[in-house]
Amino acid sequence: GLAAMLAHEIKNPLSGIRGAAQLLELSASDEDRALTRLITDETDRIVSLVDRMEVFSDERPIDRYPVNIHVVLDHVKAIAKNGFSKKIKIMEDYDPSLPPVFA
């Protein structure tokens, strides 16, 4: 998929950059070693970010299972009451006999 291809294309050059920084570190001054470590750390951070981005790849199936919508709505209501809706009145008007939904 597109996300996997993009991840591959980003991670390949980062691997080269990281390797070059490690080679430079072997003969670098103390001041320059700080820079090579920064390059290594930041490339690792970008690789980690790309790995997390791959979760959204279209190759992974989405797990769906029956969910009680009332439990979900109660959870959202609790979050809202403790956050942004302290000055908002939440009105519930839905059928309590609704069957589970796939989510």
PDB file of N, CA and C in Angstrom:
ATOM      1  N   GLY A   1       0.804  -1.187   0.000  1.00  0.00           N
ATOM      2  CA  GLY A   1       0.000   0.000   0.000  1.00  0.00           C
ATOM      3  C   GLY A   1       0.850   1.256   0.000  1.00  0.00           C
ATOM      4  N   LEU A   2       0.205   2.355  -0.122  1.00  0.00           N
ATOM      5  CA  LEU A   2       0.880   3.650  -0.194  1.00  0.00           C
ATOM      6  C   LEU A   2       1.657   3.971   1.081  1.00  0.00           C
ATOM      7  N   ALA A   3       1.058   3.721   2.240  1.00  0.00           N
ATOM      8  CA  ALA A   3       1.734   4.041   3.501  1.00  0.00           C
ATOM      9  C   ALA A   3       2.998   3.210   3.671  1.00  0.00           C
ATOM     10  N   ALA A   4       2.941   1.936   3.311  1.00  0.00           N
ATOM     11  CA  ALA A   4       4.114   1.069   3.435  1.00  0.00           C
ATOM     12  C   ALA A   4       5.224   1.517   2.487  1.00  0.00           C
ATOM     13  N   MET A   5       4.857   1.890   1.261  1.00  0.00           N
ATOM     14  CA  MET A   5       5.841   2.359   0.290  1.00  0.00           C
ATOM     15  C   MET A   5       6.493   3.657   0.771  1.00  0.00           C
ATOM     16  N   LEU A   6       5.676   4.563   1.268  1.00  0.00           N
ATOM     17  CA  LEU A   6       6.193   5.835   1.769  1.00  0.00           C
ATOM     18  C   LEU A   6       7.122   5.608   2.957  1.00  0.00           C
ATOM     19  N   ALA A   7       6.728   4.727   3.867  1.00  0.00           N
ATOM     20  CA  ALA A   7       7.565   4.418   5.029  1.00  0.00           C
ATOM     21  C   ALA A   7       8.913   3.870   4.574  1.00  0.00           C
ATOM     22  N   HIS A   8       8.896   2.981   3.616  1.00  0.00           N
ATOM     23  CA  HIS A   8      10.130   2.393   3.089  1.00  0.00           C
ATOM     24  C   HIS A   8      11.018   3.474   2.473  1.00  0.00           C
ATOM     25  N   GLU A   9      10.425   4.356   1.682  1.00  0.00           N
ATOM     26  CA  GLU A   9      11.185   5.411   1.007  1.00  0.00           C
ATOM     27  C   GLU A   9      11.761   6.430   1.991  1.00  0.00           C
ATOM     28  N   ILE A  10      11.124   6.623   3.119  1.00  0.00           N
ATOM     29  CA  ILE A  10      11.636   7.555   4.132  1.00  0.00           C
ATOM     30  C   ILE A  10      12.723   6.878   4.965  1.00  0.00           C
ATOM     31  N   LYS A  11      12.500   5.626   5.340  1.00  0.00           N
ATOM     32  CA  LYS A  11      13.424   4.944   6.239  1.00  0.00           C
ATOM     33  C   LYS A  11      14.753   4.583   5.577  1.00  0.00           C
ATOM     34  N   ASN A  12      14.758   4.305   4.288  1.00  0.00           N
ATOM     35  CA  ASN A  12      16.017   3.953   3.620  1.00  0.00           C
ATOM     36  C   ASN A  12      17.055   5.071   3.698  1.00  0.00           C
ATOM     37  N   PRO A  13      16.742   6.298   3.289  1.00  0.00           N
ATOM     38  CA  PRO A  13      17.753   7.353   3.404  1.00  0.00           C
ATOM     39  C   PRO A  13      18.122   7.660   4.856  1.00  0.00           C
ATOM     40  N   LEU A  14      17.165   7.520   5.756  1.00  0.00           N
ATOM     41  CA  LEU A  14      17.469   7.770   7.168  1.00  0.00           C
ATOM     42  C   LEU A  14      18.491   6.776   7.691  1.00  0.00           C
ATOM     43  N   SER A  15      18.420   5.555   7.210  1.00  0.00           N
ATOM     44  CA  SER A  15      19.390   4.541   7.609  1.00  0.00           C
ATOM     45  C   SER A  15      20.794   4.946   7.163  1.00  0.00           C
ATOM     46  N   GLY A  16      20.897   5.461   5.948  1.00  0.00           N
ATOM     47  CA  GLY A  16      22.184   5.942   5.448  1.00  0.00           C
ATOM     48  C   GLY A  16      22.697   7.136   6.232  1.00  0.00           C
ATOM     49  N   ILE A  17      21.822   8.063   6.554  1.00  0.00           N
ATOM     50  CA  ILE A  17      22.205   9.248   7.335  1.00  0.00           C
ATOM     51  C   ILE A  17      22.685   8.829   8.717  1.00  0.00           C
ATOM     52  N   ARG A  18      21.953   7.905   9.334  1.00  0.00           N
ATOM     53  CA  ARG A  18      22.325   7.438  10.674  1.00  0.00           C
ATOM     54  C   ARG A  18      23.687   6.736  10.635  1.00  0.00           C
ATOM     55  N   GLY A  19      23.896   5.886   9.629  1.00  0.00           N
ATOM     56  CA  GLY A  19      25.174   5.187   9.493  1.00  0.00           C
ATOM     57  C   GLY A  19      26.330   6.150   9.274  1.00  0.00           C
ATOM     58  N   ALA A  20      26.122   7.165   8.450  1.00  0.00           N
ATOM     59  CA  ALA A  20      27.164   8.165   8.204  1.00  0.00           C
ATOM     60  C   ALA A  20      27.487   8.934   9.481  1.00  0.00           C
ATOM     61  N   ALA A  21      26.476   9.273  10.253  1.00  0.00           N
ATOM     62  CA  ALA A  21      26.700   9.985  11.517  1.00  0.00           C
ATOM     63  C   ALA A  21      27.504   9.122  12.483  1.00  0.00           C
ATOM     64  N   GLN A  22      27.225   7.829  12.506  1.00  0.00           N
ATOM     65  CA  GLN A  22      27.974   6.929  13.385  1.00  0.00           C
ATOM     66  C   GLN A  22      29.434   6.821  12.948  1.00  0.00           C
ATOM     67  N   LEU A  23      29.680   6.784  11.638  1.00  0.00           N
ATOM     68  CA  LEU A  23      31.059   6.751  11.148  1.00  0.00           C
ATOM     69  C   LEU A  23      31.789   8.048  11.475  1.00  0.00           C
ATOM     70  N   LEU A  24      31.120   9.174  11.291  1.00  0.00           N
ATOM     71  CA  LEU A  24      31.734  10.467  11.610  1.00  0.00           C
ATOM     72  C   LEU A  24      32.067  10.572  13.094  1.00  0.00           C
ATOM     73  N   GLU A  25      31.231   9.978  13.920  1.00  0.00           N
ATOM     74  CA  GLU A  25      31.440  10.055  15.372  1.00  0.00           C
ATOM     75  C   GLU A  25      32.756   9.401  15.793  1.00  0.00           C
ATOM     76  N   LEU A  26      33.201   8.396  15.045  1.00  0.00           N
ATOM     77  CA  LEU A  26      34.433   7.683  15.395  1.00  0.00           C
ATOM     78  C   LEU A  26      35.657   8.591  15.372  1.00  0.00           C
ATOM     79  N   SER A  27      35.674   9.576  14.488  1.00  0.00           N
ATOM     80  CA  SER A  27      36.843  10.457  14.374  1.00  0.00           C
ATOM     81  C   SER A  27      36.516  11.908  14.714  1.00  0.00           C
ATOM     82  N   ALA A  28      35.390  12.153  15.328  1.00  0.00           N
ATOM     83  CA  ALA A  28      34.954  13.528  15.609  1.00  0.00           C
ATOM     84  C   ALA A  28      35.488  14.012  16.954  1.00  0.00           C
ATOM     85  N   SER A  29      35.602  15.331  17.057  1.00  0.00           N
ATOM     86  CA  SER A  29      35.959  15.947  18.336  1.00  0.00           C
ATOM     87  C   SER A  29      34.770  15.814  19.286  1.00  0.00           C
ATOM     88  N   ASP A  30      34.998  16.113  20.555  1.00  0.00           N
ATOM     89  CA  ASP A  30      33.906  16.023  21.532  1.00  0.00           C
ATOM     90  C   ASP A  30      32.731  16.908  21.133  1.00  0.00           C
ATOM     91  N   GLU A  31      33.045  18.112  20.651  1.00  0.00           N
ATOM     92  CA  GLU A  31      31.985  19.041  20.239  1.00  0.00           C
ATOM     93  C   GLU A  31      31.195  18.478  19.054  1.00  0.00           C
ATOM     94  N   ASP A  32      31.926  17.906  18.099  1.00  0.00           N
ATOM     95  CA  ASP A  32      31.255  17.333  16.929  1.00  0.00           C
ATOM     96  C   ASP A  32      30.515  16.038  17.265  1.00  0.00           C
ATOM     97  N   ARG A  33      30.982  15.305  18.277  1.00  0.00           N
ATOM     98  CA  ARG A  33      30.277  14.086  18.695  1.00  0.00           C
ATOM     99  C   ARG A  33      28.875  14.415  19.186  1.00  0.00           C
ATOM    100  N   ALA A  34      28.732  15.552  19.828  1.00  0.00           N
ATOM    101  CA  ALA A  34      27.400  15.968  20.280  1.00  0.00           C
ATOM    102  C   ALA A  34      26.475  16.139  19.075  1.00  0.00           C
ATOM    103  N   LEU A  35      27.018  16.676  17.984  1.00  0.00           N
ATOM    104  CA  LEU A  35      26.212  16.852  16.770  1.00  0.00           C
ATOM    105  C   LEU A  35      25.881  15.510  16.113  1.00  0.00           C
ATOM    106  N   THR A  36      26.854  14.603  16.074  1.00  0.00           N
ATOM    107  CA  THR A  36      26.574  13.303  15.461  1.00  0.00           C
ATOM    108  C   THR A  36      25.557  12.523  16.291  1.00  0.00           C
ATOM    109  N   ARG A  37      25.624  12.655  17.607  1.00  0.00           N
ATOM    110  CA  ARG A  37      24.611  12.003  18.461  1.00  0.00           C
ATOM    111  C   ARG A  37      23.237  12.612  18.231  1.00  0.00           C
ATOM    112  N   LEU A  38      23.201  13.927  18.033  1.00  0.00           N
ATOM    113  CA  LEU A  38      21.933  14.594  17.741  1.00  0.00           C
ATOM    114  C   LEU A  38      21.348  14.059  16.429  1.00  0.00           C
ATOM    115  N   ILE A  39      22.192  13.926  15.415  1.00  0.00           N
ATOM    116  CA  ILE A  39      21.724  13.387  14.132  1.00  0.00           C
ATOM    117  C   ILE A  39      21.190  11.965  14.320  1.00  0.00           C
ATOM    118  N   THR A  40      21.916  11.142  15.047  1.00  0.00           N
ATOM    119  CA  THR A  40      21.488   9.761  15.297  1.00  0.00           C
ATOM    120  C   THR A  40      20.169   9.722  16.058  1.00  0.00           C
ATOM    121  N   ASP A  41      20.077  10.521  17.108  1.00  0.00           N
ATOM    122  CA  ASP A  41      18.845  10.543  17.917  1.00  0.00           C
ATOM    123  C   ASP A  41      17.644  11.008  17.101  1.00  0.00           C
ATOM    124  N   GLU A  42      17.845  12.034  16.294  1.00  0.00           N
ATOM    125  CA  GLU A  42      16.726  12.569  15.516  1.00  0.00           C
ATOM    126  C   GLU A  42      16.312  11.625  14.387  1.00  0.00           C
ATOM    127  N   THR A  43      17.270  10.940  13.777  1.00  0.00           N
ATOM    128  CA  THR A  43      16.877   9.962  12.758  1.00  0.00           C
ATOM    129  C   THR A  43      16.110   8.811  13.401  1.00  0.00           C
ATOM    130  N   ASP A  44      16.531   8.400  14.598  1.00  0.00           N
ATOM    131  CA  ASP A  44      15.784   7.355  15.319  1.00  0.00           C
ATOM    132  C   ASP A  44      14.364   7.819  15.627  1.00  0.00           C
ATOM    133  N   ARG A  45      14.232   9.079  15.984  1.00  0.00           N
ATOM    134  CA  ARG A  45      12.912   9.623  16.307  1.00  0.00           C
ATOM    135  C   ARG A  45      12.011   9.623  15.065  1.00  0.00           C
ATOM    136  N   ILE A  46      12.564  10.001  13.922  1.00  0.00           N
ATOM    137  CA  ILE A  46      11.772  10.016  12.688  1.00  0.00           C
ATOM    138  C   ILE A  46      11.378   8.588  12.288  1.00  0.00           C
ATOM    139  N   VAL A  47      12.303   7.642  12.419  1.00  0.00           N
ATOM    140  CA  VAL A  47      11.985   6.244  12.100  1.00  0.00           C
ATOM    141  C   VAL A  47      10.855   5.746  12.997  1.00  0.00           C
ATOM    142  N   SER A  48      10.914   6.092  14.271  1.00  0.00           N
ATOM    143  CA  SER A  48       9.853   5.695  15.200  1.00  0.00           C
ATOM    144  C   SER A  48       8.513   6.297  14.789  1.00  0.00           C
ATOM    145  N   LEU A  49       8.529   7.549  14.382  1.00  0.00           N
ATOM    146  CA  LEU A  49       7.309   8.213  13.929  1.00  0.00           C
ATOM    147  C   LEU A  49       6.748   7.533  12.678  1.00  0.00           C
ATOM    148  N   VAL A  50       7.622   7.195  11.746  1.00  0.00           N
ATOM    149  CA  VAL A  50       7.189   6.517  10.518  1.00  0.00           C
ATOM    150  C   VAL A  50       6.619   5.136  10.850  1.00  0.00           C
ATOM    151  N   ASP A  51       7.250   4.435  11.792  1.00  0.00           N
ATOM    152  CA  ASP A  51       6.723   3.130  12.207  1.00  0.00           C
ATOM    153  C   ASP A  51       5.311   3.262  12.756  1.00  0.00           C
ATOM    154  N   ARG A  52       5.079   4.297  13.543  1.00  0.00           N
ATOM    155  CA  ARG A  52       3.731   4.512  14.086  1.00  0.00           C
ATOM    156  C   ARG A  52       2.759   4.894  12.977  1.00  0.00           C
ATOM    157  N   MET A  53       3.241   5.606  11.966  1.00  0.00           N
ATOM    158  CA  MET A  53       2.395   6.012  10.846  1.00  0.00           C
ATOM    159  C   MET A  53       1.931   4.795  10.046  1.00  0.00           C
ATOM    160  N   GLU A  54       2.748   3.749  10.011  1.00  0.00           N
ATOM    161  CA  GLU A  54       2.406   2.550   9.244  1.00  0.00           C
ATOM    162  C   GLU A  54       1.150   1.864   9.770  1.00  0.00           C
ATOM    163  N   VAL A  55       0.753   2.185  10.976  1.00  0.00           N
ATOM    164  CA  VAL A  55      -0.485   1.628  11.526  1.00  0.00           C
ATOM    165  C   VAL A  55      -1.658   1.979  10.620  1.00  0.00           C
ATOM    166  N   PHE A  56      -1.567   3.115   9.941  1.00  0.00           N
ATOM    167  CA  PHE A  56      -2.653   3.570   9.081  1.00  0.00           C
ATOM    168  C   PHE A  56      -2.553   3.012   7.663  1.00  0.00           C
ATOM    169  N   SER A  57      -1.641   2.069   7.454  1.00  0.00           N
ATOM    170  CA  SER A  57      -1.483   1.455   6.141  1.00  0.00           C
ATOM    171  C   SER A  57      -2.769   0.757   5.740  1.00  0.00           C
ATOM    172  N   ASP A  58      -3.078   0.819   4.475  1.00  0.00           N
ATOM    173  CA  ASP A  58      -4.304   0.193   3.999  1.00  0.00           C
ATOM    174  C   ASP A  58      -4.175  -1.325   3.899  1.00  0.00           C
ATOM    175  N   GLU A  59      -3.031  -1.885   4.261  1.00  0.00           N
ATOM    176  CA  GLU A  59      -2.835  -3.329   4.206  1.00  0.00           C
ATOM    177  C   GLU A  59      -3.306  -4.029   5.478  1.00  0.00           C
ATOM    178  N   ARG A  60      -3.468  -3.313   6.540  1.00  0.00           N
ATOM    179  CA  ARG A  60      -3.876  -3.927   7.794  1.00  0.00           C
ATOM    180  C   ARG A  60      -5.393  -3.898   7.903  1.00  0.00           C
ATOM    181  N   PRO A  61      -5.988  -5.055   8.154  1.00  0.00           N
ATOM    182  CA  PRO A  61      -7.449  -5.066   8.294  1.00  0.00           C
ATOM    183  C   PRO A  61      -7.874  -4.397   9.599  1.00  0.00           C
ATOM    184  N   ILE A  62      -9.001  -3.763   9.556  1.00  0.00           N
ATOM    185  CA  ILE A  62      -9.550  -3.127  10.749  1.00  0.00           C
ATOM    186  C   ILE A  62     -10.351  -4.173  11.505  1.00  0.00           C
ATOM    187  N   ASP A  63     -10.028  -4.342  12.779  1.00  0.00           N
ATOM    188  CA  ASP A  63     -10.786  -5.274  13.609  1.00  0.00           C
ATOM    189  C   ASP A  63     -12.085  -4.615  14.021  1.00  0.00           C
ATOM    190  N   ARG A  64     -13.176  -5.260  13.692  1.00  0.00           N
ATOM    191  CA  ARG A  64     -14.491  -4.749  14.081  1.00  0.00           C
ATOM    192  C   ARG A  64     -15.178  -5.805  14.922  1.00  0.00           C
ATOM    193  N   TYR A  65     -15.866  -5.343  15.945  1.00  0.00           N
ATOM    194  CA  TYR A  65     -16.569  -6.264  16.826  1.00  0.00           C
ATOM    195  C   TYR A  65     -17.794  -5.559  17.382  1.00  0.00           C
ATOM    196  N   PRO A  66     -18.771  -6.324  17.889  1.00  0.00           N
ATOM    197  CA  PRO A  66     -19.989  -5.706  18.422  1.00  0.00           C
ATOM    198  C   PRO A  66     -19.677  -4.832  19.637  1.00  0.00           C
ATOM    199  N   VAL A  67     -20.232  -3.642  19.634  1.00  0.00           N
ATOM    200  CA  VAL A  67     -20.016  -2.682  20.719  1.00  0.00           C
ATOM    201  C   VAL A  67     -21.370  -2.157  21.171  1.00  0.00           C
ATOM    202  N   ASN A  68     -21.536  -2.075  22.474  1.00  0.00           N
ATOM    203  CA  ASN A  68     -22.748  -1.474  23.032  1.00  0.00           C
ATOM    204  C   ASN A  68     -22.610   0.042  22.903  1.00  0.00           C
ATOM    205  N   ILE A  69     -23.397   0.632  22.044  1.00  0.00           N
ATOM    206  CA  ILE A  69     -23.290   2.067  21.769  1.00  0.00           C
ATOM    207  C   ILE A  69     -23.578   2.907  23.004  1.00  0.00           C
ATOM    208  N   HIS A  70     -24.390   2.383  23.915  1.00  0.00           N
ATOM    209  CA  HIS A  70     -24.708   3.131  25.133  1.00  0.00           C
ATOM    210  C   HIS A  70     -23.479   3.273  26.033  1.00  0.00           C
ATOM    211  N   VAL A  71     -22.645   2.242  26.075  1.00  0.00           N
ATOM    212  CA  VAL A  71     -21.404   2.309  26.852  1.00  0.00           C
ATOM    213  C   VAL A  71     -20.481   3.367  26.251  1.00  0.00           C
ATOM    214  N   VAL A  72     -20.394   3.385  24.933  1.00  0.00           N
ATOM    215  CA  VAL A  72     -19.553   4.372  24.249  1.00  0.00           C
ATOM    216  C   VAL A  72     -20.065   5.783  24.519  1.00  0.00           C
ATOM    217  N   LEU A  73     -21.370   5.979  24.383  1.00  0.00           N
ATOM    218  CA  LEU A  73     -21.955   7.308  24.613  1.00  0.00           C
ATOM    219  C   LEU A  73     -21.766   7.758  26.057  1.00  0.00           C
ATOM    220  N   ASP A  74     -21.909   6.843  27.012  1.00  0.00           N
ATOM    221  CA  ASP A  74     -21.684   7.191  28.420  1.00  0.00           C
ATOM    222  C   ASP A  74     -20.237   7.604  28.660  1.00  0.00           C
ATOM    223  N   HIS A  75     -19.320   6.915  28.004  1.00  0.00           N
ATOM    224  CA  HIS A  75     -17.901   7.247  28.145  1.00  0.00           C
ATOM    225  C   HIS A  75     -17.614   8.637  27.574  1.00  0.00           C
ATOM    226  N   VAL A  76     -18.139   8.907  26.400  1.00  0.00           N
ATOM    227  CA  VAL A  76     -17.949  10.225  25.775  1.00  0.00           C
ATOM    228  C   VAL A  76     -18.564  11.315  26.643  1.00  0.00           C
ATOM    229  N   LYS A  77     -19.740  11.044  27.183  1.00  0.00           N
ATOM    230  CA  LYS A  77     -20.410  12.022  28.051  1.00  0.00           C
ATOM    231  C   LYS A  77     -19.559  12.303  29.292  1.00  0.00           C
ATOM    232  N   ALA A  78     -18.983  11.271  29.896  1.00  0.00           N
ATOM    233  CA  ALA A  78     -18.142  11.460  31.081  1.00  0.00           C
ATOM    234  C   ALA A  78     -16.911  12.299  30.754  1.00  0.00           C
ATOM    235  N   ILE A  79     -16.297  12.036  29.610  1.00  0.00           N
ATOM    236  CA  ILE A  79     -15.139  12.833  29.195  1.00  0.00           C
ATOM    237  C   ILE A  79     -15.551  14.283  28.974  1.00  0.00           C
ATOM    238  N   ALA A  80     -16.662  14.480  28.301  1.00  0.00           N
ATOM    239  CA  ALA A  80     -17.133  15.839  28.014  1.00  0.00           C
ATOM    240  C   ALA A  80     -17.452  16.590  29.296  1.00  0.00           C
ATOM    241  N   LYS A  81     -18.108  15.939  30.241  1.00  0.00           N
ATOM    242  CA  LYS A  81     -18.477  16.613  31.492  1.00  0.00           C
ATOM    243  C   LYS A  81     -17.256  17.041  32.288  1.00  0.00           C
ATOM    244  N   ASN A  82     -16.176  16.286  32.178  1.00  0.00           N
ATOM    245  CA  ASN A  82     -14.957  16.628  32.897  1.00  0.00           C
ATOM    246  C   ASN A  82     -14.051  17.549  32.096  1.00  0.00           C
ATOM    247  N   GLY A  83     -14.447  17.859  30.903  1.00  0.00           N
ATOM    248  CA  GLY A  83     -13.597  18.684  30.054  1.00  0.00           C
ATOM    249  C   GLY A  83     -14.310  19.891  29.521  1.00  0.00           C
ATOM    250  N   PHE A  84     -14.611  19.844  28.238  1.00  0.00           N
ATOM    251  CA  PHE A  84     -15.082  21.031  27.541  1.00  0.00           C
ATOM    252  C   PHE A  84     -16.524  21.404  27.816  1.00  0.00           C
ATOM    253  N   SER A  85     -17.327  20.510  28.362  1.00  0.00           N
ATOM    254  CA  SER A  85     -18.756  20.824  28.458  1.00  0.00           C
ATOM    255  C   SER A  85     -19.224  21.170  29.864  1.00  0.00           C
ATOM    256  N   LYS A  86     -18.358  21.732  30.670  1.00  0.00           N
ATOM    257  CA  LYS A  86     -18.764  22.075  32.033  1.00  0.00           C
ATOM    258  C   LYS A  86     -19.919  23.066  32.044  1.00  0.00           C
ATOM    259  N   LYS A  87     -20.039  23.845  31.000  1.00  0.00           N
ATOM    260  CA  LYS A  87     -21.114  24.839  30.927  1.00  0.00           C
ATOM    261  C   LYS A  87     -22.175  24.445  29.906  1.00  0.00           C
ATOM    262  N   ILE A  88     -22.145  23.197  29.472  1.00  0.00           N
ATOM    263  CA  ILE A  88     -23.090  22.719  28.467  1.00  0.00           C
ATOM    264  C   ILE A  88     -23.961  21.630  29.078  1.00  0.00           C
ATOM    265  N   LYS A  89     -25.242  21.673  28.765  1.00  0.00           N
ATOM    266  CA  LYS A  89     -26.151  20.633  29.236  1.00  0.00           C
ATOM    267  C   LYS A  89     -26.240  19.558  28.153  1.00  0.00           C
ATOM    268  N   ILE A  90     -25.974  18.332  28.538  1.00  0.00           N
ATOM    269  CA  ILE A  90     -26.048  17.219  27.596  1.00  0.00           C
ATOM    270  C   ILE A  90     -27.393  16.533  27.771  1.00  0.00           C
ATOM    271  N   MET A  91     -28.128  16.437  26.670  1.00  0.00           N
ATOM    272  CA  MET A  91     -29.442  15.792  26.700  1.00  0.00           C
ATOM    273  C   MET A  91     -29.345  14.457  25.974  1.00  0.00           C
ATOM    274  N   GLU A  92     -29.841  13.414  26.607  1.00  0.00           N
ATOM    275  CA  GLU A  92     -29.823  12.085  26.006  1.00  0.00           C
ATOM    276  C   GLU A  92     -31.229  11.741  25.545  1.00  0.00           C
ATOM    277  N   ASP A  93     -31.343  11.405  24.278  1.00  0.00           N
ATOM    278  CA  ASP A  93     -32.646  11.030  23.733  1.00  0.00           C
ATOM    279  C   ASP A  93     -32.425   9.961  22.664  1.00  0.00           C
ATOM    280  N   TYR A  94     -32.196   8.742  23.115  1.00  0.00           N
ATOM    281  CA  TYR A  94     -32.007   7.650  22.171  1.00  0.00           C
ATOM    282  C   TYR A  94     -32.648   6.385  22.718  1.00  0.00           C
ATOM    283  N   ASP A  95     -32.930   5.485  21.839  1.00  0.00           N
ATOM    284  CA  ASP A  95     -33.627   4.241  22.163  1.00  0.00           C
ATOM    285  C   ASP A  95     -32.708   3.315  22.966  1.00  0.00           C
ATOM    286  N   PRO A  96     -33.062   2.986  24.203  1.00  0.00           N
ATOM    287  CA  PRO A  96     -32.206   2.125  25.023  1.00  0.00           C
ATOM    288  C   PRO A  96     -32.153   0.680  24.533  1.00  0.00           C
ATOM    289  N   SER A  97     -33.019   0.317  23.610  1.00  0.00           N
ATOM    290  CA  SER A  97     -33.029  -1.067  23.123  1.00  0.00           C
ATOM    291  C   SER A  97     -32.220  -1.252  21.838  1.00  0.00           C
ATOM    292  N   LEU A  98     -31.409  -0.269  21.481  1.00  0.00           N
ATOM    293  CA  LEU A  98     -30.603  -0.395  20.263  1.00  0.00           C
ATOM    294  C   LEU A  98     -29.672  -1.606  20.371  1.00  0.00           C
ATOM    295  N   PRO A  99     -29.537  -2.374  19.302  1.00  0.00           N
ATOM    296  CA  PRO A  99     -28.632  -3.532  19.333  1.00  0.00           C
ATOM    297  C   PRO A  99     -27.176  -3.069  19.242  1.00  0.00           C
ATOM    298  N   PRO A 100     -26.236  -3.963  19.533  1.00  0.00           N
ATOM    299  CA  PRO A 100     -24.821  -3.599  19.384  1.00  0.00           C
ATOM    300  C   PRO A 100     -24.514  -3.188  17.943  1.00  0.00           C
ATOM    301  N   VAL A 101     -23.527  -2.323  17.800  1.00  0.00           N
ATOM    302  CA  VAL A 101     -23.072  -1.896  16.479  1.00  0.00           C
ATOM    303  C   VAL A 101     -21.662  -2.445  16.267  1.00  0.00           C
ATOM    304  N   PHE A 102     -21.270  -2.622  15.023  1.00  0.00           N
ATOM    305  CA  PHE A 102     -19.911  -3.076  14.744  1.00  0.00           C
ATOM    306  C   PHE A 102     -19.009  -1.857  14.627  1.00  0.00           C
ATOM    307  N   ALA A 103     -17.975  -1.839  15.439  1.00  0.00           N
ATOM    308  CA  ALA A 103     -17.049  -0.704  15.461  1.00  0.00           C
ATOM    309  C   ALA A 103     -15.632  -1.203  15.633  1.00  0.00           C
TER     310      ALA A 103
END
